[in-house]
Every structure is written in structure tokens, then in C-alpha cells.
């Protein structure tokens, strides 16, 4: 079995992964803030860390994968005030939508999915430890982390203090001792969610939520912390500082793994640019499996450009893979090809793993049945190629429309309007849909 090597954002180099406990690997990934539908950029870390968790489960006997849900946040409060809908209804509906969208993309659920509102007591306990050790202070109903008390602050992001202050967009408030200090607890008015605390009725800051939930389910120190590169500062920098200070001697996360940002048609995704795509927007354009493959065709640490052209390319790649599986049917193989494992163990090199799948497809198309089984097993590590080929070629959001046009053609044939029947067939062929007439009726497949 090849050694796993991961790029550690903390050390800025690729390292051999050595778990704290080889019998139990622990992974924490920042999850959604549930106030709106997930966009395709939100889906990238889900798919990336789904592949990492699959790989870890192949390499180690036990893995605990925790991905949190932020269900107390100012964005949620603002949405409730705008819509008049209760916060609980917004978060419940949005989380259900998120689960459905990520399942459509083939992402397995995490082992634990804690909600922030269920862990307020854990947050208060950490804040009390920070105050007692001089790393935090209470002021005017707020509790703030004293950045100056932690000399290693900035090690994760590598930013100098003045750049960190600008990048955090920190509020300059009179109750702060230092402009860079960040909020652990803040007061809540009667119209906002709040909980009783030693500092009055209030709610947690965002950063303390993840520290509390990772501590509760993974302990003071664990193996891997993941998320998008946009979270390195200030979120992950603040998590690291407050957790290490709350639990002296702990390391918090040993390895930090971050995925690059996602562009749409070469530009940062923005509603003002008209290129903002929710996961549901993407799934309406084509198969979810093609969207997943597109998210994996670029190395996770690089920026990824999501475009209609790239989506079509991913779909054609899957056509080729499924054609190979169709040509040489084989029972599922439990043994993942060594070449695929080696690629994934090299800092989750999914583009190389996909290239290895193409080599297996070449062999399967040439008549090698074991290669077909290996292709399916290797695809399983990426969360693809698990459908029946016939389902792939007949599937997609346009399947019902295709069936309707076939029915239209059949009706024309019964009426002996062969000109119209041929026109329907030709139109479908131009769209890459091949009709096959047989004794049992007409079937179709993608060319």
C-alpha cells in the first residue's frame, strides 16, 4: 500500500501523513452556513474531502469524519428578517436542500454532522478556559480573544499583522483592547437568537463554533482539518489560536488541507456578473456525475474553472468510461488498482487518477475483462462509475423530454406520417441521441 502524502498548509510543504493514532484517523471539515441553496463553489470542498475520506477508509481501519453545520449566524438572522420566515424553518429547509444536493453529487454523508446550536455549552466552556488563562477578556457583553497573547498568531496564513488586520475587515470597537482581537461571544437583542451565559444573553462568534465541535467529537488534537482556501484567514487562523490556547500542550489539527477557489467561465462567481450557479442550476444542465467529475479533473489545490465546455468534456469522458464498462461487463472488483491508489496517495492527485482510469478503459475497450472490473473499482474511489452503463446512457434531466419525443415519433409512424417520424429521429441524432427499433419497441442511448 503506498504512503499517503498531503500538502500541509501550516508547513507549506507536502508531507508523509502520519496519524496520531493509526487505528483511528480523525478528520474535520468546515460545513455549510444554512441560509440559502449551496452554490457550485460550496460543492467543491464537499467532493474533495469526500474523496479524501474514501481514501482514508481504504488505508486505515477506522476513520471519523466530522463536518459541521453553522445554524446560528448573522447571515441567517438577516435572511429571517428579510423574509419573515422563522430561523428554525430556514435552517431546516436549507439543510435538507444541502443534503439532497450533495447526495446528488455522490458525496457520502460524514460520520458526524454537529449543529452549532446544539453545542453552545461547549463553546462557553472553551471561552471560560480562555478567560481564565488570560487569552480572552469580557467587555460590554462581549468576550474577545486577545490576539497579542498568542505569539504564533499568523503562522497558518503567513500574513504580517497589518495585512491580517486589513484582511479580516475587523470592526474597530471601543471595547477592544487591540484592533485585531476577535469576538468569541456577543450580546443578542430580544429579536435575535440568544443563550444565557456568564456574560449575559448572547450568541457565539463564528470561529469558536468549529473549535467547540471539533473538540467535542475529535478531541483536543486530531489529524486533519480541511476547508476552502478562503477560510485560511481569518477563520482557520482564529480556530487554531483559540484552540491551542484553550488546551495548552495540544496541537489542534496536525495537517491543514485546503482546496483552491472555483471560477465560472474564468471569472470569480458573482451574482452581479450573472455567472452565479447553484448546485441545482448545474444539475439542470446535465448529469450530476459529470459535475462531480468536472470538480475532480483539476487538482484540489489549484483554481478550477467551471464552464459549459468543461462540463461537456466531463460528460464525454464518462461516456467513454461507461462505454468500456458496457463493452466488457465484469463483476465489481474490491481491489482498487494500485495505479489509482498511488495517484490519490500523492496529495490527492485526482487528475492523475483519472488518467489511470483512461488507461484501464483503453484495455477494457480492447477486450480485457479484468481491466473493466478494475475501472469500476478505481472509479469507486472517486465516487464515479457505479451506475449500470445502460442507466448512464439513458439518464439525465432531459430523459423525460427524450421519451416524449420518441412517443411523438411512434404516434407519427402509426399515422403513417413517416416524414415527421424521420424528422424527429434526425433531430434526436443531431443531439447525440441514437434510437434503436426492435420487437419490444424503441429504445434510445446517447451516442
Protein backbone atom coordinates (compact mmCIF):
# COMPACT_ATOMS: atom_id res chain seq x y z
CA UNK A 1 0.00 0.00 0.00
CA UNK A 2 1.53 3.37 -0.98
CA UNK A 3 2.26 6.01 1.65
CA UNK A 4 -0.18 8.92 1.80
CA UNK A 5 1.39 12.35 1.30
CA UNK A 6 -0.59 15.57 1.79
CA UNK A 7 0.26 19.24 1.35
CA UNK A 8 0.08 20.80 4.80
CA UNK A 9 -0.96 24.46 4.66
CA UNK A 10 0.68 25.02 8.06
CA UNK A 11 4.17 23.94 6.93
CA UNK A 12 3.60 24.86 3.26
CA UNK A 13 5.00 21.57 2.03
CA UNK A 14 3.91 18.08 1.08
CA UNK A 15 4.45 15.66 3.95
CA UNK A 16 4.09 11.96 4.64
CA UNK A 17 0.83 11.57 6.56
CA UNK A 18 1.39 10.04 9.98
CA UNK A 19 -1.84 9.84 12.00
CA UNK A 20 -1.79 10.44 15.72
CA UNK A 21 -3.41 7.02 16.10
CA UNK A 22 -3.04 4.68 13.08
CA UNK A 23 -6.05 2.73 14.34
CA UNK A 24 -8.33 5.79 14.22
CA UNK A 25 -7.87 8.70 11.81
CA UNK A 26 -9.85 11.87 12.62
CA UNK A 27 -10.89 14.47 10.04
CA UNK A 28 -12.78 17.77 10.49
CA UNK A 29 -14.12 19.86 7.60
CA UNK A 30 -15.97 23.16 7.80
CA UNK A 31 -19.53 22.68 6.56
CA UNK A 32 -22.34 24.94 5.37
CA UNK A 33 -23.93 28.02 6.85
CA UNK A 34 -27.56 27.13 6.19
CA UNK A 35 -29.39 30.18 4.91
CA UNK A 36 -29.53 29.61 1.12
CA UNK A 37 -29.04 26.98 -1.58
CA UNK A 38 -25.49 25.71 -1.99
CA UNK A 39 -23.59 27.07 -4.99
CA UNK A 40 -21.14 25.05 -7.05
CA UNK A 41 -18.21 26.61 -5.17
CA UNK A 42 -19.66 25.20 -1.93
CA UNK A 43 -19.72 21.77 -3.58
CA UNK A 44 -16.01 21.66 -4.37
CA UNK A 45 -14.74 21.05 -0.81
CA UNK A 46 -17.53 18.53 -0.22
CA UNK A 47 -16.42 16.47 -3.23
CA UNK A 48 -12.70 16.89 -2.49
CA UNK A 49 -12.99 15.77 1.12
CA UNK A 50 -15.40 13.01 0.16
CA UNK A 51 -12.60 11.54 -1.97
CA UNK A 52 -10.10 12.05 0.86
CA UNK A 53 -12.39 10.28 3.33
CA UNK A 54 -12.87 7.38 0.89
CA UNK A 55 -9.09 7.10 0.54
CA UNK A 56 -8.51 7.24 4.29
CA UNK A 57 -11.07 4.45 4.80
CA UNK A 58 -9.17 2.34 2.28
CA UNK A 59 -5.87 2.93 4.09
CA UNK A 60 -6.87 2.83 7.78
CA UNK A 61 -9.17 0.60 9.86
CA UNK A 62 -11.26 3.43 11.35
CA UNK A 63 -11.98 6.99 10.24
CA UNK A 64 -14.18 9.60 11.90
CA UNK A 65 -15.18 12.35 9.50
CA UNK A 66 -16.89 15.37 11.12
CA UNK A 67 -18.46 18.15 9.04
CA UNK A 68 -20.30 20.83 10.99
CA UNK A 69 -23.43 22.84 10.25
CA UNK A 70 -23.45 26.55 11.14
CA UNK A 71 -27.07 27.26 12.08
CA UNK A 72 -26.50 30.41 14.14
CA UNK A 73 -25.03 33.26 12.13
CA UNK A 74 -25.76 36.86 11.20
CA UNK A 75 -26.48 35.85 7.58
CA UNK A 76 -29.24 33.55 8.83
CA UNK A 77 -30.60 36.29 11.06
CA UNK A 78 -30.65 38.73 8.14
CA UNK A 79 -32.46 36.22 5.91
CA UNK A 80 -35.12 35.68 8.58
CA UNK A 81 -35.64 39.42 8.97
CA UNK A 82 -35.92 39.90 5.21
CA UNK A 83 -38.31 37.01 4.60
CA UNK A 84 -40.28 36.93 7.83
CA UNK A 85 -39.71 33.18 7.98
CA UNK A 86 -38.68 31.68 11.36
CA UNK A 87 -34.99 30.90 11.69
CA UNK A 88 -35.67 27.26 12.51
CA UNK A 89 -37.68 26.82 9.32
CA UNK A 90 -34.95 28.46 7.21
CA UNK A 91 -32.16 26.32 8.62
CA UNK A 92 -34.16 23.06 8.47
CA UNK A 93 -35.22 23.59 4.85
CA UNK A 94 -31.78 24.77 3.72
CA UNK A 95 -30.02 21.86 5.39
CA UNK A 96 -32.41 19.38 3.74
CA UNK A 97 -31.70 21.03 0.36
CA UNK A 98 -27.96 20.85 1.04
CA UNK A 99 -28.16 17.15 1.88
CA UNK A 100 -30.11 16.44 -1.31
CA UNK A 101 -27.68 18.40 -3.49
CA UNK A 102 -24.55 16.80 -2.03
CA UNK A 103 -26.08 13.32 -2.28
CA UNK A 104 -26.87 14.00 -5.95
CA UNK A 105 -23.16 14.75 -6.43
CA UNK A 106 -22.31 11.35 -4.97
CA UNK A 107 -20.91 12.63 -1.66
CA UNK A 108 -21.25 10.19 1.22
CA UNK A 109 -22.53 11.70 4.48
CA UNK A 110 -19.95 12.45 7.19
CA UNK A 111 -19.85 10.24 10.25
CA UNK A 112 -20.90 13.15 12.48
CA UNK A 113 -22.70 16.33 11.41
CA UNK A 114 -22.98 18.51 14.52
CA UNK A 115 -25.08 21.67 14.55
CA UNK A 116 -23.66 24.74 16.23
CA UNK A 117 -26.84 25.44 18.22
CA UNK A 118 -26.50 22.05 19.94
CA UNK A 119 -23.02 22.90 21.26
CA UNK A 120 -23.39 26.27 22.94
CA UNK A 121 -22.34 24.77 26.29
CA UNK A 122 -19.09 23.50 24.73
CA UNK A 123 -18.40 26.97 23.32
CA UNK A 124 -19.00 28.61 26.69
CA UNK A 125 -16.66 26.08 28.35
CA UNK A 126 -13.83 26.93 25.93
CA UNK A 127 -14.40 30.66 26.33
CA UNK A 128 -14.22 30.30 30.13
CA UNK A 129 -10.90 28.46 29.78
CA UNK A 130 -9.55 31.24 27.57
CA UNK A 131 -10.56 33.95 30.04
CA UNK A 132 -9.06 32.03 32.96
CA UNK A 133 -5.73 31.66 31.15
CA UNK A 134 -5.56 35.32 30.11
CA UNK A 135 -6.14 34.73 26.41
CA UNK A 136 -9.60 36.34 26.36
CA UNK A 137 -11.43 39.13 28.16
CA UNK A 138 -15.03 40.28 28.68
CA UNK A 139 -16.08 43.81 27.73
CA UNK A 140 -19.55 45.33 27.42
CA UNK A 141 -21.32 41.99 27.00
CA UNK A 142 -18.72 40.76 24.51
CA UNK A 143 -15.89 38.31 25.00
CA UNK A 144 -12.85 38.78 22.79
CA UNK A 145 -9.76 36.73 22.08
CA UNK A 146 -6.60 38.70 22.84
CA UNK A 147 -4.52 38.14 19.71
CA UNK A 148 -1.43 39.62 21.34
CA UNK A 149 -1.44 36.83 23.93
CA UNK A 150 -0.59 34.23 21.28
CA UNK A 151 2.82 34.90 19.68
CA UNK A 152 2.29 32.32 16.94
CA UNK A 153 -0.82 34.08 15.63
CA UNK A 154 -0.49 34.34 11.83
CA UNK A 155 1.57 31.15 11.38
CA UNK A 156 -1.13 29.39 9.36
CA UNK A 157 -1.86 32.20 6.92
CA UNK A 158 1.65 33.59 6.88
CA UNK A 159 0.33 37.16 6.93
CA UNK A 160 2.03 40.07 8.73
CA UNK A 161 -0.08 41.80 11.42
CA UNK A 162 -1.05 44.83 9.33
CA UNK A 163 -2.19 42.63 6.44
CA UNK A 164 -4.18 40.40 8.79
CA UNK A 165 -5.97 43.41 10.22
CA UNK A 166 -6.96 44.62 6.76
CA UNK A 167 -7.89 41.16 5.50
CA UNK A 168 -10.17 40.40 8.42
CA UNK A 169 -12.26 43.55 7.94
CA UNK A 170 -12.23 43.81 11.70
CA UNK A 171 -14.59 46.20 13.40
CA UNK A 172 -12.72 48.87 15.36
CA UNK A 173 -14.79 48.90 18.55
CA UNK A 174 -14.13 50.91 21.74
CA UNK A 175 -14.42 47.82 23.93
CA UNK A 176 -11.45 46.11 22.19
CA UNK A 177 -8.01 46.25 23.75
CA UNK A 178 -6.44 45.71 20.33
CA UNK A 179 -7.97 46.25 16.90
CA UNK A 180 -7.09 42.69 15.85
CA UNK A 181 -8.91 40.99 18.75
CA UNK A 182 -11.81 38.89 17.53
CA UNK A 183 -15.20 38.07 19.01
CA UNK A 184 -15.86 34.84 20.87
CA UNK A 185 -19.24 35.88 22.30
CA UNK A 186 -21.52 38.83 21.57
CA UNK A 187 -24.74 40.15 23.10
CA UNK A 188 -28.11 39.44 21.48
CA UNK A 189 -31.09 41.78 21.43
CA UNK A 190 -34.53 40.34 22.12
CA UNK A 191 -35.26 39.86 18.41
CA UNK A 192 -32.11 37.76 17.80
CA UNK A 193 -31.21 34.20 18.85
CA UNK A 194 -29.50 34.13 22.22
CA UNK A 195 -28.45 31.90 25.09
CA UNK A 196 -27.74 32.59 28.74
CA UNK A 197 -24.05 32.83 29.57
CA UNK A 198 -21.78 34.24 32.32
CA UNK A 199 -21.55 37.41 30.18
CA UNK A 200 -25.27 37.85 29.64
CA UNK A 201 -27.68 36.70 26.98
CA UNK A 202 -25.85 36.38 23.69
CA UNK A 203 -24.61 34.17 20.88
CA UNK A 204 -21.25 32.79 19.77
CA UNK A 205 -18.87 34.22 17.22
CA UNK A 206 -18.34 32.08 14.14
CA UNK A 207 -14.80 30.92 14.88
CA UNK A 208 -15.49 29.44 18.30
CA UNK A 209 -18.19 27.17 16.85
CA UNK A 210 -15.76 24.95 14.94
CA UNK A 211 -13.29 24.81 17.81
CA UNK A 212 -16.04 23.55 20.11
CA UNK A 213 -17.44 20.95 17.73
CA UNK A 214 -14.05 19.54 16.70
CA UNK A 215 -13.09 19.30 20.39
CA UNK A 216 -16.33 17.53 21.29
CA UNK A 217 -16.07 14.83 18.61
CA UNK A 218 -12.35 14.55 17.82
CA UNK A 219 -10.57 15.68 20.97
CA UNK A 220 -8.03 18.39 21.74
CA UNK A 221 -5.75 17.18 18.93
CA UNK A 222 -6.71 15.43 15.72
CA UNK A 223 -5.24 14.59 12.33
CA UNK A 224 -6.66 16.69 9.50
CA UNK A 225 -8.61 19.94 9.28
CA UNK A 226 -10.00 20.77 5.86
CA UNK A 227 -11.86 23.50 4.03
CA UNK A 228 -11.63 26.03 1.25
CA UNK A 229 -8.55 28.24 0.93
CA UNK A 230 -10.80 31.25 1.53
CA UNK A 231 -11.18 30.06 5.14
CA UNK A 232 -7.46 30.09 5.99
CA UNK A 233 -7.75 33.65 7.24
CA UNK A 234 -9.37 34.66 9.44
CA UNK A 235 -11.49 31.59 10.25
CA UNK A 236 -8.88 28.84 10.47
CA UNK A 237 -6.21 31.16 11.87
CA UNK A 238 -8.59 32.07 14.70
CA UNK A 239 -9.66 28.48 15.29
CA UNK A 240 -6.05 27.42 15.66
CA UNK A 241 -5.20 30.23 18.07
CA UNK A 242 -8.15 29.82 20.40
CA UNK A 243 -7.98 26.01 20.46
CA UNK A 244 -4.27 25.80 21.21
CA UNK A 245 -4.62 28.45 23.91
CA UNK A 246 -7.66 26.76 25.47
CA UNK A 247 -5.88 23.41 25.60
CA UNK A 248 -2.18 24.01 26.34
CA UNK A 249 0.05 21.27 25.00
CA UNK A 250 -2.42 20.26 22.31
CA UNK A 251 -1.68 20.60 18.62
CA UNK A 252 -5.29 21.07 17.47
CA UNK A 253 -5.08 19.91 13.81
CA UNK A 254 -1.76 18.40 12.75
CA UNK A 255 -2.38 18.72 8.99
CA UNK A 256 -4.34 21.51 7.29
CA UNK A 257 -5.70 20.74 3.82
CA UNK A 258 -7.27 23.50 1.70
CA UNK A 259 -8.86 23.39 -1.74
CA UNK A 260 -8.47 26.22 -4.24
CA UNK A 261 -11.22 28.57 -5.34
CA UNK A 262 -13.72 27.90 -8.11
CA UNK A 263 -14.21 30.24 -11.07
CA UNK A 264 -17.09 30.25 -13.54
CA UNK A 265 -16.12 30.94 -17.15
CA UNK A 266 -12.79 32.29 -15.98
CA UNK A 267 -14.18 34.80 -13.50
CA UNK A 268 -14.95 34.83 -9.80
CA UNK A 269 -18.52 33.72 -9.31
CA UNK A 270 -20.81 36.67 -8.64
CA UNK A 271 -24.49 37.44 -8.98
CA UNK A 272 -23.58 40.84 -10.42
CA UNK A 273 -21.65 39.13 -13.24
CA UNK A 274 -24.54 36.77 -13.96
CA UNK A 275 -22.34 33.70 -13.51
CA UNK A 276 -23.62 32.61 -10.09
CA UNK A 277 -24.53 28.91 -10.23
CA UNK A 278 -26.23 26.93 -7.51
CA UNK A 279 -25.73 23.18 -7.50
CA UNK A 280 -29.31 22.88 -8.72
CA UNK A 281 -28.58 25.19 -11.65
CA UNK A 282 -25.76 22.86 -12.65
CA UNK A 283 -27.80 19.68 -12.22
CA UNK A 284 -30.47 21.12 -14.51
CA UNK A 285 -27.83 21.35 -17.26
CA UNK A 286 -26.58 17.80 -17.18
CA UNK A 287 -25.79 14.67 -15.14
CA UNK A 288 -24.64 15.09 -11.56
CA UNK A 289 -21.86 12.57 -12.14
CA UNK A 290 -20.42 14.80 -14.86
CA UNK A 291 -20.46 17.74 -12.44
CA UNK A 292 -18.60 15.62 -9.89
CA UNK A 293 -16.01 14.53 -12.44
CA UNK A 294 -15.51 18.15 -13.51
CA UNK A 295 -14.78 19.07 -9.88
CA UNK A 296 -12.11 16.35 -9.77
CA UNK A 297 -10.42 16.95 -13.15
CA UNK A 298 -8.37 19.80 -11.64
CA UNK A 299 -6.02 19.22 -8.70
CA UNK A 300 -7.76 20.26 -5.50
CA UNK A 301 -5.19 22.94 -4.58
CA UNK A 302 -5.45 24.71 -7.95
CA UNK A 303 -8.17 27.11 -9.07
CA UNK A 304 -10.88 25.34 -11.05
CA UNK A 305 -12.76 26.92 -13.96
CA UNK A 306 -16.33 25.65 -14.24
CA UNK A 307 -17.71 26.22 -17.75
CA UNK A 308 -20.26 24.65 -20.08
CA UNK A 309 -17.37 23.46 -22.28
CA UNK A 310 -15.64 21.76 -19.34
CA UNK A 311 -18.96 20.24 -18.25
CA UNK A 312 -19.48 18.78 -21.73
CA UNK A 313 -15.92 17.41 -21.72
CA UNK A 314 -16.52 15.68 -18.37
CA UNK A 315 -19.70 14.17 -19.75
CA UNK A 316 -17.85 12.83 -22.80
CA UNK A 317 -15.20 11.31 -20.53
CA UNK A 318 -17.90 9.49 -18.60
CA UNK A 319 -19.44 8.33 -21.88
CA UNK A 320 -16.11 6.73 -22.73
CA UNK A 321 -15.73 5.09 -19.33
CA UNK A 322 -19.26 3.70 -19.38
CA UNK A 323 -18.79 2.51 -22.97
CA UNK A 324 -15.82 0.49 -21.74
CA UNK A 325 -17.87 -0.95 -18.89
CA UNK A 326 -20.68 -1.76 -21.33
CA UNK A 327 -18.29 -3.40 -23.81
CA UNK A 328 -16.69 -5.67 -21.22
CA UNK A 329 -19.17 -6.29 -18.38
CA UNK A 330 -17.47 -7.60 -15.27
CA UNK A 331 -18.46 -8.21 -11.66
CA UNK A 332 -17.43 -5.43 -9.25
CA UNK A 333 -13.86 -5.78 -8.01
CA UNK A 334 -13.00 -4.94 -4.41
CA UNK A 335 -9.31 -4.46 -5.21
CA UNK A 336 -8.60 -0.87 -6.21
CA UNK A 337 -5.91 -0.67 -8.91
CA UNK A 338 -2.52 0.19 -7.45
CA UNK A 339 -2.02 2.89 -10.10
CA UNK A 340 -5.16 4.73 -8.95
CA UNK A 341 -4.22 4.42 -5.28
CA UNK A 342 -0.71 5.71 -5.96
CA UNK A 343 -2.14 8.78 -7.71
CA UNK A 344 -4.54 9.56 -4.88
CA UNK A 345 -1.88 8.98 -2.22
CA UNK A 346 0.24 11.64 -3.92
CA UNK A 347 -1.57 14.63 -2.37
CA UNK A 348 -4.95 13.51 -3.71
CA UNK A 349 -3.88 13.80 -7.36
CA UNK A 350 -7.29 13.21 -8.91
CA UNK A 351 -6.26 14.33 -12.44
CA UNK A 352 -3.60 11.60 -12.46
CA UNK A 353 -6.10 9.08 -11.05
CA UNK A 354 -8.49 9.94 -13.89
CA UNK A 355 -5.67 9.43 -16.41
CA UNK A 356 -5.13 5.98 -14.89
CA UNK A 357 -8.84 5.26 -15.39
CA UNK A 358 -8.44 6.10 -19.08
CA UNK A 359 -5.63 3.54 -19.34
CA UNK A 360 -7.94 0.94 -17.84
CA UNK A 361 -10.73 1.99 -20.22
CA UNK A 362 -8.33 1.52 -23.16
CA UNK A 363 -7.65 -2.03 -22.02
CA UNK A 364 -11.33 -2.78 -21.40
CA UNK A 365 -12.30 -1.47 -24.85
CA UNK A 366 -9.63 -3.76 -26.31
CA UNK A 367 -11.32 -6.76 -24.67
CA UNK A 368 -9.67 -7.02 -21.24
CA UNK A 369 -12.43 -8.05 -18.78
CA UNK A 370 -10.26 -7.68 -15.62
CA UNK A 371 -9.47 -4.12 -16.70
CA UNK A 372 -13.20 -3.40 -16.81
CA UNK A 373 -13.59 -4.58 -13.21
CA UNK A 374 -10.55 -2.53 -12.19
CA UNK A 375 -12.03 0.51 -13.95
CA UNK A 376 -15.19 0.28 -11.89
CA UNK A 377 -13.25 -0.25 -8.64
CA UNK A 378 -10.93 2.66 -9.39
CA UNK A 379 -13.90 4.85 -10.25
CA UNK A 380 -15.42 3.99 -6.92
CA UNK A 381 -12.51 5.69 -5.16
CA UNK A 382 -13.51 8.88 -6.95
CA UNK A 383 -17.23 8.31 -6.37
CA UNK A 384 -17.97 7.69 -10.07
CA UNK A 385 -18.73 4.80 -12.46
CA UNK A 386 -21.06 2.96 -10.10
CA UNK A 387 -24.15 3.14 -12.33
CA UNK A 388 -25.20 0.49 -14.80
CA UNK A 389 -23.98 1.68 -18.23
CA UNK A 390 -27.48 1.50 -19.67
CA UNK A 391 -28.73 3.78 -16.90
CA UNK A 392 -25.96 6.29 -17.67
CA UNK A 393 -26.68 6.39 -21.38
CA UNK A 394 -30.43 6.75 -20.81
CA UNK A 395 -30.26 9.07 -17.82
CA UNK A 396 -30.07 12.79 -17.31
CA UNK A 397 -32.50 15.64 -16.68
CA UNK A 398 -33.62 15.52 -20.36
CA UNK A 399 -34.63 11.85 -20.28
CA UNK A 400 -38.35 12.59 -19.90
CA UNK A 401 -38.24 15.02 -22.84
CA UNK A 402 -36.50 12.39 -24.99
CA UNK A 403 -39.13 9.82 -24.09
CA UNK A 404 -41.84 12.30 -25.05
CA UNK A 405 -40.26 12.86 -28.48
CA UNK A 406 -39.97 9.12 -29.03
CA UNK A 407 -43.67 8.83 -28.25
CA UNK A 408 -44.29 11.63 -30.74
CA UNK A 409 -42.36 9.68 -33.39
CA UNK A 410 -44.26 6.49 -32.64
CA UNK A 411 -47.56 8.33 -32.99
CA UNK A 412 -46.43 9.72 -36.35
CA UNK A 413 -45.48 6.25 -37.56
CA UNK A 414 -48.85 4.85 -36.53
CA UNK A 415 -50.47 7.67 -38.51
CA UNK A 416 -48.14 6.76 -41.44
CA UNK A 417 -46.63 10.23 -41.30
CA UNK A 418 -43.15 8.91 -41.98
CA UNK A 419 -41.77 12.32 -42.95
CA UNK A 420 -42.47 13.66 -39.44
CA UNK A 421 -41.24 10.43 -37.83
CA UNK A 422 -37.95 10.67 -39.72
CA UNK A 423 -37.61 14.34 -38.81
CA UNK A 424 -37.92 13.51 -35.11
CA UNK A 425 -35.33 10.78 -35.42
CA UNK A 426 -32.90 13.04 -37.28
CA UNK A 427 -33.36 15.84 -34.76
CA UNK A 428 -32.53 13.47 -31.92
CA UNK A 429 -29.48 12.15 -33.77
CA UNK A 430 -28.20 15.71 -34.14
CA UNK A 431 -28.43 15.99 -30.35
CA UNK A 432 -26.43 12.78 -29.91
CA UNK A 433 -29.43 10.51 -29.20
CA UNK A 434 -29.48 7.21 -31.10
CA UNK A 435 -32.81 5.36 -31.49
CA UNK A 436 -32.90 1.58 -31.85
CA UNK A 437 -36.14 -0.04 -33.05
CA UNK A 438 -36.76 -3.63 -32.04
CA UNK A 439 -39.53 -6.16 -31.41
CA UNK A 440 -40.02 -4.77 -27.89
CA UNK A 441 -40.33 -1.20 -29.13
CA UNK A 442 -37.92 1.74 -29.44
CA UNK A 443 -35.01 2.24 -27.07
CA UNK A 444 -32.51 5.09 -27.03
CA UNK A 445 -29.00 5.83 -25.96
CA UNK A 446 -26.51 8.64 -26.12
CA UNK A 447 -24.03 8.35 -28.99
